[in-house]
Protein backbone atom coordinates (compact mmCIF):
# COMPACT_ATOMS: atom_id res chain seq x y z
CA MET A 1 0.00 0.00 0.00
CA THR A 2 1.39 3.41 -0.99
CA LEU A 3 1.87 5.71 1.99
CA LEU A 4 0.47 9.19 1.39
CA HIS A 5 1.19 11.04 4.63
CA PRO A 6 4.25 11.51 6.86
CA ASP A 7 2.32 10.28 9.93
CA GLU A 8 0.58 7.39 8.17
CA VAL A 9 0.74 3.83 9.49
CA ASP A 10 1.33 0.90 7.15
CA ILE A 11 -1.71 -1.42 7.30
CA ASP A 12 -0.90 -4.89 6.02
CA GLU A 13 -3.59 -7.46 5.41
CA ALA A 14 -2.20 -9.90 7.96
CA THR A 15 -2.73 -7.31 10.70
CA ILE A 16 -6.30 -6.76 9.57
CA HIS A 17 -6.99 -10.50 9.68
CA ARG A 18 -5.65 -10.61 13.25
CA LEU A 19 -7.79 -7.66 14.32
CA ILE A 20 -10.92 -9.33 12.98
CA ALA A 21 -10.03 -12.76 14.39
CA ARG A 22 -9.49 -11.43 17.91
CA GLN A 23 -12.16 -8.76 18.09
CA LEU A 24 -14.85 -10.15 15.78
CA PRO A 25 -14.31 -13.92 16.01
CA ASP A 26 -17.81 -14.70 14.77
CA ARG A 27 -16.87 -13.02 11.46
CA ALA A 28 -13.29 -14.27 11.15
CA HIS A 29 -14.34 -16.91 8.60
CA LEU A 30 -15.62 -14.30 6.13
CA ASP A 31 -13.60 -13.45 3.03
CA LEU A 32 -11.66 -10.20 3.11
CA SER A 33 -11.13 -8.33 -0.15
CA PRO A 34 -9.97 -4.81 -1.14
CA ALA A 35 -12.76 -2.25 -1.38
CA GLY A 36 -10.81 0.88 -2.24
CA HIS A 37 -9.03 3.56 -0.32
CA GLY A 38 -9.12 7.31 0.08
CA THR A 39 -6.79 9.95 1.38
CA ASP A 40 -7.75 9.15 4.97
CA ASN A 41 -8.94 5.54 5.18
CA ARG A 42 -8.45 2.08 3.76
CA MET A 43 -11.52 -0.11 3.13
CA LEU A 44 -11.90 -3.86 2.82
CA ARG A 45 -15.06 -5.81 2.15
CA LEU A 46 -15.81 -8.43 4.78
CA GLY A 47 -18.01 -11.15 3.36
CA ASP A 48 -20.93 -9.95 1.26
CA ASP A 49 -22.60 -7.59 3.71
CA LEU A 50 -19.89 -5.69 5.60
CA VAL A 51 -17.02 -3.27 5.01
CA VAL A 52 -14.06 -2.65 7.32
CA ARG A 53 -12.79 0.93 7.43
CA LEU A 54 -9.38 1.67 8.92
CA PRO A 55 -7.88 5.14 9.43
CA ARG A 56 -4.52 5.76 7.80
CA LYS A 57 -3.27 8.39 10.28
CA PRO A 58 -3.93 9.85 13.76
CA GLY A 59 -6.07 12.78 12.60
CA THR A 60 -8.43 10.46 10.78
CA ALA A 61 -8.63 8.11 13.74
CA ALA A 62 -10.34 10.89 15.67
CA HIS A 63 -13.27 10.65 13.21
CA VAL A 64 -14.18 7.07 14.06
CA GLY A 65 -16.07 7.82 17.27
CA LYS A 66 -17.85 10.74 15.61
CA GLU A 67 -19.22 8.55 12.83
CA GLN A 68 -20.21 5.82 15.27
CA ALA A 69 -22.09 8.31 17.46
CA TRP A 70 -23.85 10.45 14.87
CA LEU A 71 -24.59 8.32 11.80
CA PRO A 72 -27.34 6.28 13.53
CA ARG A 73 -28.97 9.55 14.62
CA LEU A 74 -28.78 11.20 11.21
CA ALA A 75 -29.71 8.23 9.03
CA PRO A 76 -33.48 8.21 9.76
CA HIS A 77 -33.75 11.77 8.44
CA LEU A 78 -31.93 11.20 5.15
CA PRO A 79 -33.50 10.14 1.82
CA ILE A 80 -30.77 7.72 0.74
CA ALA A 81 -28.53 5.18 2.45
CA VAL A 82 -25.57 6.18 4.61
CA PRO A 83 -23.10 3.90 6.44
CA GLU A 84 -24.66 1.87 9.24
CA PRO A 85 -22.18 1.06 12.03
CA VAL A 86 -22.12 -2.63 12.92
CA ALA A 87 -19.04 -2.80 15.16
CA LEU A 88 -16.37 -0.59 16.66
CA GLY A 89 -12.86 -2.00 16.66
CA ARG A 90 -10.08 -0.98 19.03
CA ALA A 91 -6.35 -0.58 18.64
CA GLY A 92 -4.30 -3.75 18.86
CA ASP A 93 -2.02 -6.25 17.11
CA GLY A 94 0.29 -3.52 15.89
CA TYR A 95 -2.49 -1.26 14.62
CA PRO A 96 -2.75 1.89 16.82
CA PHE A 97 -6.20 3.30 16.02
CA PRO A 98 -9.89 2.52 16.52
CA TRP A 99 -11.62 1.24 13.39
CA SER A 100 -15.14 0.57 12.15
CA VAL A 101 -17.26 -2.09 10.52
CA TYR A 102 -20.24 -0.89 8.51
CA ARG A 103 -23.08 -2.51 6.61
CA TRP A 104 -22.17 -2.77 2.93
CA ILE A 105 -24.20 -0.47 0.65
CA ASP A 106 -24.83 -2.05 -2.72
CA GLY A 107 -23.75 0.43 -5.40
CA SER A 108 -20.87 1.65 -7.52
CA GLU A 109 -18.83 4.80 -7.16
CA LEU A 110 -20.21 7.55 -9.35
CA ASP A 111 -18.27 8.04 -12.58
CA PRO A 112 -18.73 11.75 -13.36
CA ASP A 113 -17.91 11.11 -17.02
CA ALA A 114 -20.67 8.52 -17.41
CA VAL A 115 -23.70 10.11 -15.77
CA GLU A 116 -26.85 8.90 -17.51
CA ASP A 117 -29.24 11.59 -16.23
CA PRO A 118 -27.25 14.56 -14.91
CA VAL A 119 -30.34 16.62 -14.09
CA ARG A 120 -31.76 13.86 -11.91
CA LEU A 121 -28.39 13.36 -10.25
CA GLY A 122 -28.15 17.05 -9.40
CA ARG A 123 -31.65 17.13 -7.97
CA ASP A 124 -31.16 13.93 -5.97
CA LEU A 125 -27.90 15.20 -4.49
CA ALA A 126 -29.59 18.49 -3.64
CA GLY A 127 -32.34 16.52 -1.91
CA PHE A 128 -29.78 14.79 0.25
CA VAL A 129 -28.04 18.06 1.15
CA HIS A 130 -31.36 19.76 1.90
CA ALA A 131 -32.39 16.90 4.18
CA LEU A 132 -29.05 16.85 5.99
CA GLN A 133 -29.09 20.60 6.55
CA ALA A 134 -32.66 20.38 7.86
CA VAL A 135 -31.79 17.87 10.60
CA ASP A 136 -31.87 19.40 14.06
CA LEU A 137 -28.39 19.82 15.52
CA MET A 138 -29.48 17.78 18.55
CA GLY A 139 -27.14 19.72 20.78
CA ALA A 140 -24.13 19.43 18.46
CA ARG A 141 -21.97 22.52 18.16
CA ARG A 142 -19.09 23.68 16.01
CA GLU A 143 -16.33 22.29 18.17
CA GLU A 144 -14.13 19.22 18.04
CA PRO A 145 -14.75 16.71 16.62
CA LEU A 146 -17.50 18.45 14.62
CA SER A 147 -15.42 21.41 13.49
CA SER A 148 -13.88 21.24 10.01
CA TYR A 149 -12.22 24.15 8.24
CA ARG A 150 -14.69 23.47 5.44
CA GLY A 151 -17.49 24.90 7.54
CA GLY A 152 -15.61 28.08 8.35
CA SER A 153 -14.70 31.26 6.52
CA LEU A 154 -13.45 31.10 2.95
CA ARG A 155 -11.05 33.94 3.69
CA GLU A 156 -9.21 31.78 6.21
CA LEU A 157 -7.90 29.79 3.23
CA ALA A 158 -6.37 32.80 1.47
CA GLY A 159 -2.82 32.20 2.72
CA SER A 160 -2.73 28.48 1.96
CA THR A 161 -4.39 28.99 -1.44
CA PHE A 162 -1.73 31.44 -2.57
CA GLU A 163 0.95 29.08 -1.22
CA ASN A 164 -0.55 26.23 -3.25
CA LEU A 165 -0.67 28.40 -6.38
CA ALA A 166 3.02 29.12 -5.89
CA ALA A 167 3.79 25.45 -5.31
CA CYS A 168 1.93 24.50 -8.49
CA ARG A 169 4.02 26.95 -10.49
CA ASP A 170 7.07 24.91 -9.50
CA LEU A 171 5.63 21.58 -10.71
CA SER A 172 7.32 20.46 -13.91
CA GLY A 173 4.84 19.39 -16.58
CA LEU A 174 1.71 20.81 -14.95
CA ASP A 175 -0.70 22.03 -17.65
CA LEU A 176 -3.12 24.30 -15.79
CA ASP A 177 -4.24 27.91 -16.14
CA LEU A 178 -2.97 29.10 -12.76
CA ALA A 179 -3.46 32.76 -13.65
CA GLY A 180 -7.12 32.06 -14.40
CA LEU A 181 -7.54 30.25 -11.08
CA GLU A 182 -5.91 33.10 -9.22
CA ALA A 183 -8.29 35.56 -10.85
CA ILE A 184 -11.32 33.49 -9.80
CA TRP A 185 -9.97 33.26 -6.26
CA ARG A 186 -9.29 37.00 -5.99
CA ALA A 187 -12.80 37.79 -7.27
CA ALA A 188 -14.29 35.53 -4.59
CA MET A 189 -12.29 37.36 -1.94
CA GLU A 190 -14.13 40.54 -2.92
CA LEU A 191 -17.52 39.04 -2.05
CA ASP A 192 -19.19 39.75 1.26
CA GLU A 193 -18.94 36.96 3.82
CA PRO A 194 -22.34 35.30 4.37
CA ARG A 195 -23.75 34.90 7.85
CA ASP A 196 -25.50 31.60 7.35
CA ALA A 197 -26.84 29.62 10.27
CA HIS A 198 -24.80 26.53 11.07
CA THR A 199 -26.08 23.21 9.76
CA TRP A 200 -24.91 19.62 9.51
CA MET A 201 -22.36 19.15 6.70
CA HIS A 202 -20.89 16.07 5.04
CA THR A 203 -18.06 18.30 3.66
CA ASP A 204 -16.77 15.90 0.96
CA LEU A 205 -19.49 14.93 -1.50
CA LYS A 206 -17.04 14.05 -4.26
CA PRO A 207 -17.89 11.29 -6.78
CA SER A 208 -16.00 8.55 -4.93
CA ASN A 209 -18.28 9.13 -1.93
CA LEU A 210 -21.48 8.91 -4.00
CA LEU A 211 -22.89 5.47 -4.79
CA VAL A 212 -25.17 4.82 -7.74
CA ARG A 213 -27.16 1.83 -8.90
CA GLU A 214 -28.52 1.74 -12.45
CA GLY A 215 -27.49 5.39 -12.75
CA VAL A 216 -29.48 6.53 -9.69
CA LEU A 217 -27.94 7.94 -6.52
CA VAL A 218 -28.52 5.40 -3.74
CA GLY A 219 -25.90 6.12 -1.09
CA VAL A 220 -23.48 8.61 0.42
CA VAL A 221 -20.43 7.29 2.27
CA ASP A 222 -17.39 8.59 4.19
CA PHE A 223 -18.69 10.84 6.94
CA GLY A 224 -15.22 11.36 8.37
CA GLY A 225 -15.56 15.08 7.66
CA LEU A 226 -19.00 15.33 9.30
CA SER A 227 -19.18 18.81 10.74
CA VAL A 228 -21.38 21.59 11.99
CA GLY A 229 -20.73 24.86 10.18
CA ALA A 230 -21.60 27.40 7.52
CA PRO A 231 -23.02 25.38 4.63
CA THR A 232 -21.55 27.08 1.53
CA CYS A 233 -18.60 24.68 1.22
CA GLU A 234 -21.00 21.73 0.98
CA HIS A 235 -21.82 22.80 -2.57
CA ALA A 236 -18.18 22.78 -3.72
CA ALA A 237 -18.17 19.13 -4.80
CA THR A 238 -20.71 19.84 -7.55
CA TRP A 239 -17.78 21.12 -9.63
CA ASP A 240 -16.84 17.46 -9.99
CA LEU A 241 -20.13 16.86 -11.82
CA PRO A 242 -21.31 17.63 -15.35
CA PRO A 243 -22.55 21.23 -15.68
CA GLU A 244 -26.16 20.05 -16.13
CA ALA A 245 -26.02 18.27 -12.76
CA ARG A 246 -24.37 21.23 -11.04
CA HIS A 247 -26.96 23.67 -12.38
CA ALA A 248 -29.88 21.38 -11.48
CA TYR A 249 -28.45 21.09 -7.97
CA ALA A 250 -28.12 24.86 -7.58
CA ASP A 251 -31.63 25.44 -8.93
CA ALA A 252 -33.14 22.82 -6.61
CA LEU A 253 -31.57 24.47 -3.57
CA GLY A 254 -32.23 28.02 -4.79
CA LEU A 255 -28.57 29.03 -4.56
CA ASP A 256 -28.01 32.66 -5.49
CA ARG A 257 -25.11 33.84 -7.64
CA GLY A 258 -22.97 34.91 -4.69
CA THR A 259 -23.35 31.52 -3.01
CA ARG A 260 -22.41 29.74 -6.24
CA GLN A 261 -19.32 31.91 -6.65
CA ARG A 262 -18.19 31.30 -3.08
CA ALA A 263 -18.83 27.56 -3.47
CA ARG A 264 -16.77 27.59 -6.66
CA ALA A 265 -13.92 29.23 -4.75
CA TRP A 266 -14.16 26.50 -2.11
CA ALA A 267 -13.97 23.92 -4.90
CA LEU A 268 -10.89 25.66 -6.27
CA ALA A 269 -9.09 25.89 -2.92
CA ILE A 270 -9.75 22.27 -1.92
CA ALA A 271 -8.74 20.80 -5.29
CA LEU A 272 -5.70 23.03 -5.61
CA SER A 273 -4.37 21.87 -2.25
CA GLY A 274 -4.32 18.28 -3.49
CA VAL A 275 -2.14 18.92 -6.53
CA PRO A 276 1.25 19.68 -4.94
CA TYR A 277 0.56 17.48 -1.89
CA TYR A 278 -0.12 14.29 -3.87
CA TRP A 279 1.93 15.13 -6.99
CA SER A 280 4.54 12.46 -6.34
CA THR A 281 2.54 9.89 -4.37
CA TRP A 282 -0.91 9.58 -5.94
CA PRO A 283 -1.06 10.75 -9.58
CA GLU A 284 -4.59 9.40 -10.06
CA PHE A 285 -5.88 11.64 -7.27
CA VAL A 286 -4.00 14.58 -8.75
CA GLN A 287 -5.88 14.00 -12.01
CA GLU A 288 -9.17 14.14 -10.10
CA CYS A 289 -8.12 17.48 -8.63
CA LEU A 290 -7.07 18.80 -12.05
CA ARG A 291 -10.37 17.71 -13.56
CA ARG A 292 -12.25 19.75 -10.96
CA LEU A 293 -10.00 22.77 -11.46
CA ARG A 294 -10.55 22.71 -15.22
CA LEU A 295 -14.31 22.56 -14.69
CA VAL A 296 -13.99 25.54 -12.35
CA LEU A 297 -12.14 27.42 -15.08
CA ASP A 298 -14.80 26.49 -17.64
CA ASP A 299 -17.65 27.76 -15.47
CA ALA A 300 -17.51 31.49 -16.08
CA ASP A 301 -20.74 32.24 -14.20
CA GLY A 302 -20.07 30.21 -11.06
């Protein structure tokens, strides 16, 4: 397994087998097979009905308890499937973090280049976001572990965004209109800051976290970034989608032009940060970031 972070632990399959055998002995006989990985977690399918999710680094490990506590409380209010915790694993056998077992959701990762009905996709995703934002906070507040930078002020990213633009200029072979991106970012910095009420946020509704079946959105996974905060950043991931889906999403939620422009700037900042960070370790993820940035550049109206 390629290591992506300086503080990442190496998770070999033998260790995972030992964790399951000792902590979930009634499921130790089930087949274990790769089920993908992200920047923060590694996933393995356990039998036909379960998935094991293991944090790659200490910061991600802090998300495990949050998902275990809040997903069962949020799920009844949401229109499509979200991960259902089945078991909570503990550190041991050379693996230092808590880990989770969830019910498997039958579906495939969304391929943004093969969307059959982009308008329906945009509306269905908007329905999920609307439902999530409408859920009562149930006493949750914007504090750890429910406090992500993605629910804060866009202006707080100004320094790191300019640093990432500079870092990208030093990348040999990068074909990207950095001047155009900088212009979009500077224009967003001129907008007034909204004073939106805090809501629940997924914070990372990118295609790999959206599950479809027969072209229809059926599940949302990876709630590691679950937060309480200002909701504009939630819309950023729609710049991973075809324009028809993005526009249908914005129309369904009634997003005004200023909100769309700020969300586009969030999309820019988040994707841009991934380019220099993963340039040498995960080229496929870099291509995902570049795809989003080119769609941002193509969307003149936000």
